[in-house]
């Protein structure tokens, strides 16, 4: 099993403590965005009973609030896949694949 970075550990701890999810998967996708040494891009899959009562926007706001410190100090992007247990069951555990980095501001630059 691969060891978590400090940032991954903090993200895991905050979500686990505050939401007690039934599923929590954190993937560091920084290597897809110009630097494997950075902790800048993460894909989070969270399945939580409390998400049953929240809209998708409210779910995202919940995660952003929990991770506000990380987002202001190095984490550049979060790909969020947030489900209630019933939605997760319909997904059959399938998580969307993240696209390759498009190069940010270099798109269309010759």
PDB file of N, CA and C in Angstrom:
ATOM      1  N   UNK A   1       0.841  -1.188   0.000  1.00  0.00           N
ATOM      2  CA  UNK A   1       0.000   0.000   0.000  1.00  0.00           C
ATOM      3  C   UNK A   1       0.881   1.245   0.000  1.00  0.00           C
ATOM      4  N   UNK A   2       0.548   2.162  -0.873  1.00  0.00           N
ATOM      5  CA  UNK A   2       1.315   3.393  -1.006  1.00  0.00           C
ATOM      6  C   UNK A   2       1.064   4.310   0.191  1.00  0.00           C
ATOM      7  N   UNK A   3       2.133   4.937   0.652  1.00  0.00           N
ATOM      8  CA  UNK A   3       2.019   5.828   1.802  1.00  0.00           C
ATOM      9  C   UNK A   3       1.386   7.150   1.379  1.00  0.00           C
ATOM     10  N   UNK A   4       0.514   7.661   2.228  1.00  0.00           N
ATOM     11  CA  UNK A   4      -0.147   8.942   1.963  1.00  0.00           C
ATOM     12  C   UNK A   4       0.809  10.098   2.208  1.00  0.00           C
ATOM     13  N   UNK A   5       0.631  11.152   1.420  1.00  0.00           N
ATOM     14  CA  UNK A   5       1.363  12.389   1.681  1.00  0.00           C
ATOM     15  C   UNK A   5       0.729  13.074   2.890  1.00  0.00           C
ATOM     16  N   UNK A   6       1.393  14.089   3.390  1.00  0.00           N
ATOM     17  CA  UNK A   6       0.852  14.846   4.526  1.00  0.00           C
ATOM     18  C   UNK A   6      -0.499  15.445   4.160  1.00  0.00           C
ATOM     19  N   UNK A   7      -0.587  16.032   2.970  1.00  0.00           N
ATOM     20  CA  UNK A   7      -1.846  16.651   2.542  1.00  0.00           C
ATOM     21  C   UNK A   7      -2.954  15.614   2.439  1.00  0.00           C
ATOM     22  N   UNK A   8      -2.666  14.470   1.855  1.00  0.00           N
ATOM     23  CA  UNK A   8      -3.668  13.399   1.763  1.00  0.00           C
ATOM     24  C   UNK A   8      -4.128  12.960   3.148  1.00  0.00           C
ATOM     25  N   UNK A   9      -3.194  12.848   4.068  1.00  0.00           N
ATOM     26  CA  UNK A   9      -3.535  12.447   5.437  1.00  0.00           C
ATOM     27  C   UNK A   9      -4.440  13.461   6.112  1.00  0.00           C
ATOM     28  N   UNK A  10      -4.164  14.735   5.893  1.00  0.00           N
ATOM     29  CA  UNK A  10      -4.995  15.795   6.473  1.00  0.00           C
ATOM     30  C   UNK A  10      -6.398  15.744   5.882  1.00  0.00           C
ATOM     31  N   UNK A  11      -6.482  15.613   4.557  1.00  0.00           N
ATOM     32  CA  UNK A  11      -7.784  15.529   3.889  1.00  0.00           C
ATOM     33  C   UNK A  11      -8.564  14.331   4.433  1.00  0.00           C
ATOM     34  N   UNK A  12      -7.911  13.193   4.501  1.00  0.00           N
ATOM     35  CA  UNK A  12      -8.550  11.973   5.000  1.00  0.00           C
ATOM     36  C   UNK A  12      -9.068  12.174   6.421  1.00  0.00           C
ATOM     37  N   UNK A  13      -8.239  12.720   7.267  1.00  0.00           N
ATOM     38  CA  UNK A  13      -8.596  12.926   8.670  1.00  0.00           C
ATOM     39  C   UNK A  13      -9.789  13.863   8.829  1.00  0.00           C
ATOM     40  N   UNK A  14      -9.779  14.972   8.107  1.00  0.00           N
ATOM     41  CA  UNK A  14     -10.871  15.950   8.227  1.00  0.00           C
ATOM     42  C   UNK A  14     -12.197  15.374   7.753  1.00  0.00           C
ATOM     43  N   UNK A  15     -12.173  14.668   6.634  1.00  0.00           N
ATOM     44  CA  UNK A  15     -13.417  14.098   6.107  1.00  0.00           C
ATOM     45  C   UNK A  15     -13.906  12.971   7.016  1.00  0.00           C
ATOM     46  N   UNK A  16     -12.999  12.110   7.425  1.00  0.00           N
ATOM     47  CA  UNK A  16     -13.363  10.987   8.301  1.00  0.00           C
ATOM     48  C   UNK A  16     -13.964  11.490   9.614  1.00  0.00           C
ATOM     49  N   UNK A  17     -13.347  12.484  10.201  1.00  0.00           N
ATOM     50  CA  UNK A  17     -13.788  13.011  11.498  1.00  0.00           C
ATOM     51  C   UNK A  17     -15.137  13.724  11.405  1.00  0.00           C
ATOM     52  N   UNK A  18     -15.338  14.490  10.347  1.00  0.00           N
ATOM     53  CA  UNK A  18     -16.527  15.332  10.252  1.00  0.00           C
ATOM     54  C   UNK A  18     -17.719  14.687   9.553  1.00  0.00           C
ATOM     55  N   UNK A  19     -17.479  13.718   8.689  1.00  0.00           N
ATOM     56  CA  UNK A  19     -18.579  13.137   7.913  1.00  0.00           C
ATOM     57  C   UNK A  19     -18.813  11.651   8.180  1.00  0.00           C
ATOM     58  N   UNK A  20     -17.870  10.979   8.785  1.00  0.00           N
ATOM     59  CA  UNK A  20     -17.917   9.526   8.981  1.00  0.00           C
ATOM     60  C   UNK A  20     -18.480   8.796   7.751  1.00  0.00           C
ATOM     61  N   UNK A  21     -17.768   8.887   6.638  1.00  0.00           N
ATOM     62  CA  UNK A  21     -18.247   8.275   5.398  1.00  0.00           C
ATOM     63  C   UNK A  21     -18.172   6.751   5.438  1.00  0.00           C
ATOM     64  N   UNK A  22     -19.017   6.122   4.631  1.00  0.00           N
ATOM     65  CA  UNK A  22     -18.939   4.672   4.478  1.00  0.00           C
ATOM     66  C   UNK A  22     -17.888   4.307   3.431  1.00  0.00           C
ATOM     67  N   UNK A  23     -17.632   5.225   2.504  1.00  0.00           N
ATOM     68  CA  UNK A  23     -16.566   5.068   1.511  1.00  0.00           C
ATOM     69  C   UNK A  23     -15.810   6.384   1.449  1.00  0.00           C
ATOM     70  N   UNK A  24     -14.489   6.301   1.496  1.00  0.00           N
ATOM     71  CA  UNK A  24     -13.636   7.481   1.331  1.00  0.00           C
ATOM     72  C   UNK A  24     -12.417   7.064   0.530  1.00  0.00           C
ATOM     73  N   UNK A  25     -12.340   7.580  -0.685  1.00  0.00           N
ATOM     74  CA  UNK A  25     -11.193   7.300  -1.554  1.00  0.00           C
ATOM     75  C   UNK A  25     -10.565   8.632  -1.939  1.00  0.00           C
ATOM     76  N   UNK A  26      -9.280   8.709  -1.770  1.00  0.00           N
ATOM     77  CA  UNK A  26      -8.542   9.920  -2.115  1.00  0.00           C
ATOM     78  C   UNK A  26      -7.446   9.519  -3.091  1.00  0.00           C
ATOM     79  N   UNK A  27      -7.462  10.140  -4.263  1.00  0.00           N
ATOM     80  CA  UNK A  27      -6.436   9.874  -5.264  1.00  0.00           C
ATOM     81  C   UNK A  27      -5.673  11.160  -5.532  1.00  0.00           C
ATOM     82  N   UNK A  28      -4.364  11.104  -5.372  1.00  0.00           N
ATOM     83  CA  UNK A  28      -3.521  12.242  -5.691  1.00  0.00           C
ATOM     84  C   UNK A  28      -3.276  12.211  -7.195  1.00  0.00           C
ATOM     85  N   UNK A  29      -3.851  13.171  -7.907  1.00  0.00           N
ATOM     86  CA  UNK A  29      -3.725  13.229  -9.362  1.00  0.00           C
ATOM     87  C   UNK A  29      -2.748  14.315  -9.805  1.00  0.00           C
ATOM     88  N   UNK A  30      -1.916  14.758  -8.898  1.00  0.00           N
ATOM     89  CA  UNK A  30      -0.960  15.821  -9.207  1.00  0.00           C
ATOM     90  C   UNK A  30      -0.027  15.428 -10.350  1.00  0.00           C
ATOM     91  N   UNK A  31       0.316  14.141 -10.429  1.00  0.00           N
ATOM     92  CA  UNK A  31       1.208  13.672 -11.492  1.00  0.00           C
ATOM     93  C   UNK A  31       0.619  13.897 -12.882  1.00  0.00           C
ATOM     94  N   UNK A  32      -0.694  14.062 -12.974  1.00  0.00           N
ATOM     95  CA  UNK A  32      -1.363  14.303 -14.255  1.00  0.00           C
ATOM     96  C   UNK A  32      -1.345  15.785 -14.626  1.00  0.00           C
ATOM     97  N   UNK A  33      -0.788  16.595 -13.753  1.00  0.00           N
ATOM     98  CA  UNK A  33      -0.866  18.042 -13.927  1.00  0.00           C
ATOM     99  C   UNK A  33       0.479  18.725 -13.736  1.00  0.00           C
ATOM    100  N   UNK A  34       1.527  18.127 -14.229  1.00  0.00           N
ATOM    101  CA  UNK A  34       2.815  18.793 -14.284  1.00  0.00           C
ATOM    102  C   UNK A  34       3.679  18.698 -13.050  1.00  0.00           C
ATOM    103  N   UNK A  35       3.527  17.699 -12.233  1.00  0.00           N
ATOM    104  CA  UNK A  35       4.437  17.586 -11.104  1.00  0.00           C
ATOM    105  C   UNK A  35       4.030  16.522 -10.117  1.00  0.00           C
ATOM    106  N   UNK A  36       4.736  15.410 -10.138  1.00  0.00           N
ATOM    107  CA  UNK A  36       4.382  14.325  -9.226  1.00  0.00           C
ATOM    108  C   UNK A  36       4.737  14.652  -7.784  1.00  0.00           C
ATOM    109  N   UNK A  37       5.642  15.612  -7.570  1.00  0.00           N
ATOM    110  CA  UNK A  37       6.063  15.940  -6.211  1.00  0.00           C
ATOM    111  C   UNK A  37       5.082  16.865  -5.498  1.00  0.00           C
ATOM    112  N   UNK A  38       4.187  17.470  -6.251  1.00  0.00           N
ATOM    113  CA  UNK A  38       3.257  18.417  -5.628  1.00  0.00           C
ATOM    114  C   UNK A  38       2.004  17.701  -5.130  1.00  0.00           C
ATOM    115  N   UNK A  39       1.362  18.306  -4.174  1.00  0.00           N
ATOM    116  CA  UNK A  39       0.070  17.833  -3.666  1.00  0.00           C
ATOM    117  C   UNK A  39      -0.967  18.869  -4.050  1.00  0.00           C
ATOM    118  N   UNK A  40      -1.233  18.977  -5.346  1.00  0.00           N
ATOM    119  CA  UNK A  40      -2.069  20.072  -5.819  1.00  0.00           C
ATOM    120  C   UNK A  40      -3.418  19.645  -6.380  1.00  0.00           C
ATOM    121  N   UNK A  41      -3.533  18.418  -6.866  1.00  0.00           N
ATOM    122  CA  UNK A  41      -4.757  17.949  -7.516  1.00  0.00           C
ATOM    123  C   UNK A  41      -5.189  16.619  -6.899  1.00  0.00           C
ATOM    124  N   UNK A  42      -6.432  16.579  -6.427  1.00  0.00           N
ATOM    125  CA  UNK A  42      -6.946  15.364  -5.791  1.00  0.00           C
ATOM    126  C   UNK A  42      -8.329  15.016  -6.317  1.00  0.00           C
ATOM    127  N   UNK A  43      -8.569  13.715  -6.432  1.00  0.00           N
ATOM    128  CA  UNK A  43      -9.914  13.215  -6.722  1.00  0.00           C
ATOM    129  C   UNK A  43     -10.425  12.571  -5.442  1.00  0.00           C
ATOM    130  N   UNK A  44     -11.591  13.029  -4.978  1.00  0.00           N
ATOM    131  CA  UNK A  44     -12.192  12.506  -3.760  1.00  0.00           C
ATOM    132  C   UNK A  44     -13.502  11.812  -4.095  1.00  0.00           C
ATOM    133  N   UNK A  45     -13.650  10.619  -3.601  1.00  0.00           N
ATOM    134  CA  UNK A  45     -14.919   9.909  -3.670  1.00  0.00           C
ATOM    135  C   UNK A  45     -15.374   9.709  -2.234  1.00  0.00           C
ATOM    136  N   UNK A  46     -16.535  10.273  -1.934  1.00  0.00           N
ATOM    137  CA  UNK A  46     -17.053  10.215  -0.572  1.00  0.00           C
ATOM    138  C   UNK A  46     -18.502   9.742  -0.625  1.00  0.00           C
ATOM    139  N   UNK A  47     -18.798   8.698   0.132  1.00  0.00           N
ATOM    140  CA  UNK A  47     -20.166   8.200   0.275  1.00  0.00           C
ATOM    141  C   UNK A  47     -20.541   8.408   1.734  1.00  0.00           C
ATOM    142  N   UNK A  48     -21.630   9.152   1.918  1.00  0.00           N
ATOM    143  CA  UNK A  48     -21.973   9.555   3.277  1.00  0.00           C
ATOM    144  C   UNK A  48     -23.492   9.625   3.436  1.00  0.00           C
ATOM    145  N   UNK A  49     -23.964   9.122   4.552  1.00  0.00           N
ATOM    146  CA  UNK A  49     -25.401   9.126   4.848  1.00  0.00           C
ATOM    147  C   UNK A  49     -25.961  10.548   4.859  1.00  0.00           C
ATOM    148  N   UNK A  50     -25.215  11.498   5.382  1.00  0.00           N
ATOM    149  CA  UNK A  50     -25.720  12.877   5.473  1.00  0.00           C
ATOM    150  C   UNK A  50     -25.896  13.525   4.102  1.00  0.00           C
ATOM    151  N   UNK A  51     -25.296  12.964   3.055  1.00  0.00           N
ATOM    152  CA  UNK A  51     -25.468  13.513   1.708  1.00  0.00           C
ATOM    153  C   UNK A  51     -26.869  13.250   1.154  1.00  0.00           C
ATOM    154  N   UNK A  52     -27.611  12.325   1.762  1.00  0.00           N
ATOM    155  CA  UNK A  52     -28.976  12.028   1.299  1.00  0.00           C
ATOM    156  C   UNK A  52     -29.829  13.281   1.261  1.00  0.00           C
ATOM    157  N   UNK A  53     -29.619  14.155   2.216  1.00  0.00           N
ATOM    158  CA  UNK A  53     -30.469  15.335   2.377  1.00  0.00           C
ATOM    159  C   UNK A  53     -29.903  16.585   1.719  1.00  0.00           C
ATOM    160  N   UNK A  54     -28.755  16.466   1.062  1.00  0.00           N
ATOM    161  CA  UNK A  54     -28.105  17.648   0.491  1.00  0.00           C
ATOM    162  C   UNK A  54     -28.087  17.602  -1.029  1.00  0.00           C
ATOM    163  N   UNK A  55     -28.266  18.771  -1.638  1.00  0.00           N
ATOM    164  CA  UNK A  55     -28.115  18.877  -3.088  1.00  0.00           C
ATOM    165  C   UNK A  55     -26.642  18.696  -3.443  1.00  0.00           C
ATOM    166  N   UNK A  56     -26.353  18.512  -4.713  1.00  0.00           N
ATOM    167  CA  UNK A  56     -24.956  18.377  -5.148  1.00  0.00           C
ATOM    168  C   UNK A  56     -24.147  19.614  -4.787  1.00  0.00           C
ATOM    169  N   UNK A  57     -24.735  20.775  -4.969  1.00  0.00           N
ATOM    170  CA  UNK A  57     -24.038  22.025  -4.638  1.00  0.00           C
ATOM    171  C   UNK A  57     -23.712  22.072  -3.150  1.00  0.00           C
ATOM    172  N   UNK A  58     -24.664  21.727  -2.305  1.00  0.00           N
ATOM    173  CA  UNK A  58     -24.442  21.748  -0.851  1.00  0.00           C
ATOM    174  C   UNK A  58     -23.371  20.729  -0.440  1.00  0.00           C
ATOM    175  N   UNK A  59     -23.342  19.596  -1.102  1.00  0.00           N
ATOM    176  CA  UNK A  59     -22.311  18.591  -0.817  1.00  0.00           C
ATOM    177  C   UNK A  59     -20.923  19.159  -1.117  1.00  0.00           C
ATOM    178  N   UNK A  60     -20.812  19.798  -2.278  1.00  0.00           N
ATOM    179  CA  UNK A  60     -19.534  20.408  -2.657  1.00  0.00           C
ATOM    180  C   UNK A  60     -19.148  21.503  -1.668  1.00  0.00           C
ATOM    181  N   UNK A  61     -20.100  22.320  -1.291  1.00  0.00           N
ATOM    182  CA  UNK A  61     -19.827  23.388  -0.327  1.00  0.00           C
ATOM    183  C   UNK A  61     -19.345  22.815   1.002  1.00  0.00           C
ATOM    184  N   UNK A  62     -19.900  21.706   1.400  1.00  0.00           N
ATOM    185  CA  UNK A  62     -19.499  21.040   2.641  1.00  0.00           C
ATOM    186  C   UNK A  62     -18.022  20.634   2.579  1.00  0.00           C
ATOM    187  N   UNK A  63     -17.619  20.012   1.484  1.00  0.00           N
ATOM    188  CA  UNK A  63     -16.225  19.584   1.331  1.00  0.00           C
ATOM    189  C   UNK A  63     -15.301  20.794   1.244  1.00  0.00           C
ATOM    190  N   UNK A  64     -15.702  21.812   0.465  1.00  0.00           N
ATOM    191  CA  UNK A  64     -14.874  23.021   0.357  1.00  0.00           C
ATOM    192  C   UNK A  64     -14.686  23.682   1.719  1.00  0.00           C
ATOM    193  N   UNK A  65     -15.720  23.710   2.528  1.00  0.00           N
ATOM    194  CA  UNK A  65     -15.614  24.306   3.866  1.00  0.00           C
ATOM    195  C   UNK A  65     -14.658  23.494   4.745  1.00  0.00           C
ATOM    196  N   UNK A  66     -14.770  22.169   4.689  1.00  0.00           N
ATOM    197  CA  UNK A  66     -13.878  21.315   5.483  1.00  0.00           C
ATOM    198  C   UNK A  66     -12.413  21.486   5.084  1.00  0.00           C
ATOM    199  N   UNK A  67     -12.188  21.710   3.793  1.00  0.00           N
ATOM    200  CA  UNK A  67     -10.818  21.755   3.277  1.00  0.00           C
ATOM    201  C   UNK A  67     -10.379  23.166   2.890  1.00  0.00           C
ATOM    202  N   UNK A  68     -11.013  24.175   3.457  1.00  0.00           N
ATOM    203  CA  UNK A  68     -10.698  25.563   3.085  1.00  0.00           C
ATOM    204  C   UNK A  68      -9.232  25.915   3.324  1.00  0.00           C
ATOM    205  N   UNK A  69      -8.668  25.429   4.398  1.00  0.00           N
ATOM    206  CA  UNK A  69      -7.255  25.720   4.695  1.00  0.00           C
ATOM    207  C   UNK A  69      -6.334  25.113   3.630  1.00  0.00           C
ATOM    208  N   UNK A  70      -6.610  23.887   3.238  1.00  0.00           N
ATOM    209  CA  UNK A  70      -5.795  23.225   2.219  1.00  0.00           C
ATOM    210  C   UNK A  70      -5.955  23.903   0.862  1.00  0.00           C
ATOM    211  N   UNK A  71      -7.175  24.343   0.559  1.00  0.00           N
ATOM    212  CA  UNK A  71      -7.421  25.018  -0.712  1.00  0.00           C
ATOM    213  C   UNK A  71      -6.746  26.386  -0.781  1.00  0.00           C
ATOM    214  N   UNK A  72      -6.476  26.974   0.361  1.00  0.00           N
ATOM    215  CA  UNK A  72      -5.802  28.278   0.362  1.00  0.00           C
ATOM    216  C   UNK A  72      -4.285  28.133   0.516  1.00  0.00           C
ATOM    217  N   UNK A  73      -3.804  26.903   0.626  1.00  0.00           N
ATOM    218  CA  UNK A  73      -2.366  26.734   0.847  1.00  0.00           C
ATOM    219  C   UNK A  73      -1.766  25.567   0.063  1.00  0.00           C
ATOM    220  N   UNK A  74      -2.075  25.479  -1.207  1.00  0.00           N
ATOM    221  CA  UNK A  74      -1.397  24.475  -2.024  1.00  0.00           C
ATOM    222  C   UNK A  74      -2.275  23.554  -2.835  1.00  0.00           C
ATOM    223  N   UNK A  75      -3.438  23.195  -2.324  1.00  0.00           N
ATOM    224  CA  UNK A  75      -4.333  22.346  -3.115  1.00  0.00           C
ATOM    225  C   UNK A  75      -5.010  23.240  -4.141  1.00  0.00           C
ATOM    226  N   UNK A  76      -4.793  22.903  -5.403  1.00  0.00           N
ATOM    227  CA  UNK A  76      -5.273  23.734  -6.504  1.00  0.00           C
ATOM    228  C   UNK A  76      -6.626  23.260  -7.037  1.00  0.00           C
ATOM    229  N   UNK A  77      -6.849  21.940  -6.999  1.00  0.00           N
ATOM    230  CA  UNK A  77      -8.070  21.412  -7.609  1.00  0.00           C
ATOM    231  C   UNK A  77      -8.551  20.155  -6.895  1.00  0.00           C
ATOM    232  N   UNK A  78      -9.870  20.060  -6.784  1.00  0.00           N
ATOM    233  CA  UNK A  78     -10.518  18.870  -6.240  1.00  0.00           C
ATOM    234  C   UNK A  78     -11.539  18.373  -7.253  1.00  0.00           C
ATOM    235  N   UNK A  79     -11.432  17.124  -7.635  1.00  0.00           N
ATOM    236  CA  UNK A  79     -12.473  16.473  -8.424  1.00  0.00           C
ATOM    237  C   UNK A  79     -13.326  15.723  -7.408  1.00  0.00           C
ATOM    238  N   UNK A  80     -14.556  16.178  -7.235  1.00  0.00           N
ATOM    239  CA  UNK A  80     -15.404  15.642  -6.171  1.00  0.00           C
ATOM    240  C   UNK A  80     -16.482  14.723  -6.726  1.00  0.00           C
ATOM    241  N   UNK A  81     -16.536  13.534  -6.183  1.00  0.00           N
ATOM    242  CA  UNK A  81     -17.563  12.545  -6.516  1.00  0.00           C
ATOM    243  C   UNK A  81     -18.214  12.183  -5.190  1.00  0.00           C
ATOM    244  N   UNK A  82     -19.370  12.800  -4.942  1.00  0.00           N
ATOM    245  CA  UNK A  82     -20.009  12.755  -3.624  1.00  0.00           C
ATOM    246  C   UNK A  82     -21.378  12.097  -3.735  1.00  0.00           C
ATOM    247  N   UNK A  83     -21.585  11.022  -2.997  1.00  0.00           N
ATOM    248  CA  UNK A  83     -22.792  10.221  -3.144  1.00  0.00           C
ATOM    249  C   UNK A  83     -23.439   9.888  -1.802  1.00  0.00           C
ATOM    250  N   UNK A  84     -24.747   9.728  -1.849  1.00  0.00           N
ATOM    251  CA  UNK A  84     -25.451   9.090  -0.735  1.00  0.00           C
ATOM    252  C   UNK A  84     -25.243   7.582  -0.914  1.00  0.00           C
ATOM    253  N   UNK A  85     -25.508   6.780   0.110  1.00  0.00           N
ATOM    254  CA  UNK A  85     -25.358   5.324  -0.051  1.00  0.00           C
ATOM    255  C   UNK A  85     -26.206   4.749  -1.196  1.00  0.00           C
ATOM    256  N   UNK A  86     -27.429   5.234  -1.365  1.00  0.00           N
ATOM    257  CA  UNK A  86     -28.291   4.735  -2.448  1.00  0.00           C
ATOM    258  C   UNK A  86     -27.719   5.103  -3.822  1.00  0.00           C
ATOM    259  N   UNK A  87     -27.202   6.321  -3.954  1.00  0.00           N
ATOM    260  CA  UNK A  87     -26.591   6.743  -5.225  1.00  0.00           C
ATOM    261  C   UNK A  87     -25.341   5.920  -5.524  1.00  0.00           C
ATOM    262  N   UNK A  88     -24.562   5.644  -4.500  1.00  0.00           N
ATOM    263  CA  UNK A  88     -23.347   4.845  -4.662  1.00  0.00           C
ATOM    264  C   UNK A  88     -23.696   3.435  -5.134  1.00  0.00           C
ATOM    265  N   UNK A  89     -24.768   2.887  -4.572  1.00  0.00           N
ATOM    266  CA  UNK A  89     -25.213   1.558  -4.984  1.00  0.00           C
ATOM    267  C   UNK A  89     -25.582   1.554  -6.467  1.00  0.00           C
ATOM    268  N   UNK A  90     -26.265   2.604  -6.926  1.00  0.00           N
ATOM    269  CA  UNK A  90     -26.610   2.721  -8.350  1.00  0.00           C
ATOM    270  C   UNK A  90     -25.360   2.857  -9.214  1.00  0.00           C
ATOM    271  N   UNK A  91     -24.339   3.525  -8.691  1.00  0.00           N
ATOM    272  CA  UNK A  91     -23.065   3.688  -9.404  1.00  0.00           C
ATOM    273  C   UNK A  91     -22.311   2.365  -9.500  1.00  0.00           C
ATOM    274  N   UNK A  92     -22.664   1.431  -8.645  1.00  0.00           N
ATOM    275  CA  UNK A  92     -22.001   0.128  -8.550  1.00  0.00           C
ATOM    276  C   UNK A  92     -20.503   0.285  -8.300  1.00  0.00           C
ATOM    277  N   UNK A  93     -20.162   1.327  -7.546  1.00  0.00           N
ATOM    278  CA  UNK A  93     -18.765   1.550  -7.191  1.00  0.00           C
ATOM    279  C   UNK A  93     -17.906   2.134  -8.288  1.00  0.00           C
ATOM    280  N   UNK A  94     -18.526   2.505  -9.404  1.00  0.00           N
ATOM    281  CA  UNK A  94     -17.768   3.072 -10.519  1.00  0.00           C
ATOM    282  C   UNK A  94     -17.526   4.557 -10.312  1.00  0.00           C
ATOM    283  N   UNK A  95     -16.286   4.952 -10.446  1.00  0.00           N
ATOM    284  CA  UNK A  95     -15.896   6.350 -10.297  1.00  0.00           C
ATOM    285  C   UNK A  95     -15.468   6.862 -11.668  1.00  0.00           C
ATOM    286  N   UNK A  96     -15.968   8.028 -12.083  1.00  0.00           N
ATOM    287  CA  UNK A  96     -15.546   8.575 -13.377  1.00  0.00           C
ATOM    288  C   UNK A  96     -14.026   8.753 -13.451  1.00  0.00           C
ATOM    289  N   UNK A  97     -13.481   8.488 -14.622  1.00  0.00           N
ATOM    290  CA  UNK A  97     -12.048   8.655 -14.859  1.00  0.00           C
ATOM    291  C   UNK A  97     -11.765  10.130 -15.103  1.00  0.00           C
ATOM    292  N   UNK A  98     -10.725  10.638 -14.486  1.00  0.00           N
ATOM    293  CA  UNK A  98     -10.348  12.038 -14.677  1.00  0.00           C
ATOM    294  C   UNK A  98      -9.680  12.206 -16.039  1.00  0.00           C
ATOM    295  N   UNK A  99      -9.965  13.318 -16.718  1.00  0.00           N
ATOM    296  CA  UNK A  99      -9.321  13.563 -18.012  1.00  0.00           C
ATOM    297  C   UNK A  99      -7.855  13.942 -17.822  1.00  0.00           C
ATOM    298  N   UNK A 100      -7.079  13.784 -18.884  1.00  0.00           N
ATOM    299  CA  UNK A 100      -5.696  14.244 -18.853  1.00  0.00           C
ATOM    300  C   UNK A 100      -5.673  15.758 -18.758  1.00  0.00           C
ATOM    301  N   UNK A 101      -4.603  16.271 -18.199  1.00  0.00           N
ATOM    302  CA  UNK A 101      -4.429  17.713 -18.081  1.00  0.00           C
ATOM    303  C   UNK A 101      -4.395  18.334 -19.476  1.00  0.00           C
ATOM    304  N   UNK A 102      -5.086  19.441 -19.627  1.00  0.00           N
ATOM    305  CA  UNK A 102      -5.126  20.135 -20.906  1.00  0.00           C
ATOM    306  C   UNK A 102      -4.111  21.271 -20.984  1.00  0.00           C
ATOM    307  N   UNK A 103      -3.295  21.423 -19.977  1.00  0.00           N
ATOM    308  CA  UNK A 103      -2.230  22.415 -20.030  1.00  0.00           C
ATOM    309  C   UNK A 103      -2.601  23.782 -19.526  1.00  0.00           C
ATOM    310  N   UNK A 104      -3.778  23.932 -18.961  1.00  0.00           N
ATOM    311  CA  UNK A 104      -4.169  25.223 -18.387  1.00  0.00           C
ATOM    312  C   UNK A 104      -4.106  26.342 -19.391  1.00  0.00           C
ATOM    313  N   UNK A 105      -3.350  27.376 -19.075  1.00  0.00           N
ATOM    314  CA  UNK A 105      -3.312  28.577 -19.910  1.00  0.00           C
ATOM    315  C   UNK A 105      -2.522  28.387 -21.192  1.00  0.00           C
ATOM    316  N   UNK A 106      -1.925  27.213 -21.412  1.00  0.00           N
ATOM    317  CA  UNK A 106      -1.162  27.011 -22.641  1.00  0.00           C
ATOM    318  C   UNK A 106      -2.017  26.462 -23.775  1.00  0.00           C
ATOM    319  N   UNK A 107      -3.291  26.236 -23.529  1.00  0.00           N
ATOM    320  CA  UNK A 107      -4.179  25.729 -24.576  1.00  0.00           C
ATOM    321  C   UNK A 107      -4.281  26.769 -25.687  1.00  0.00           C
ATOM    322  N   UNK A 108      -4.038  26.330 -26.891  1.00  0.00           N
ATOM    323  CA  UNK A 108      -4.158  27.210 -28.043  1.00  0.00           C
ATOM    324  C   UNK A 108      -2.976  28.152 -28.243  1.00  0.00           C
ATOM    325  N   UNK A 109      -1.956  28.061 -27.426  1.00  0.00           N
ATOM    326  CA  UNK A 109      -0.789  28.925 -27.566  1.00  0.00           C
ATOM    327  C   UNK A 109       0.227  28.226 -28.444  1.00  0.00           C
ATOM    328  N   UNK A 110       0.703  28.936 -29.442  1.00  0.00           N
ATOM    329  CA  UNK A 110       1.704  28.338 -30.344  1.00  0.00           C
ATOM    330  C   UNK A 110       3.072  28.871 -30.061  1.00  0.00           C
TER     331      UNK A 110
END
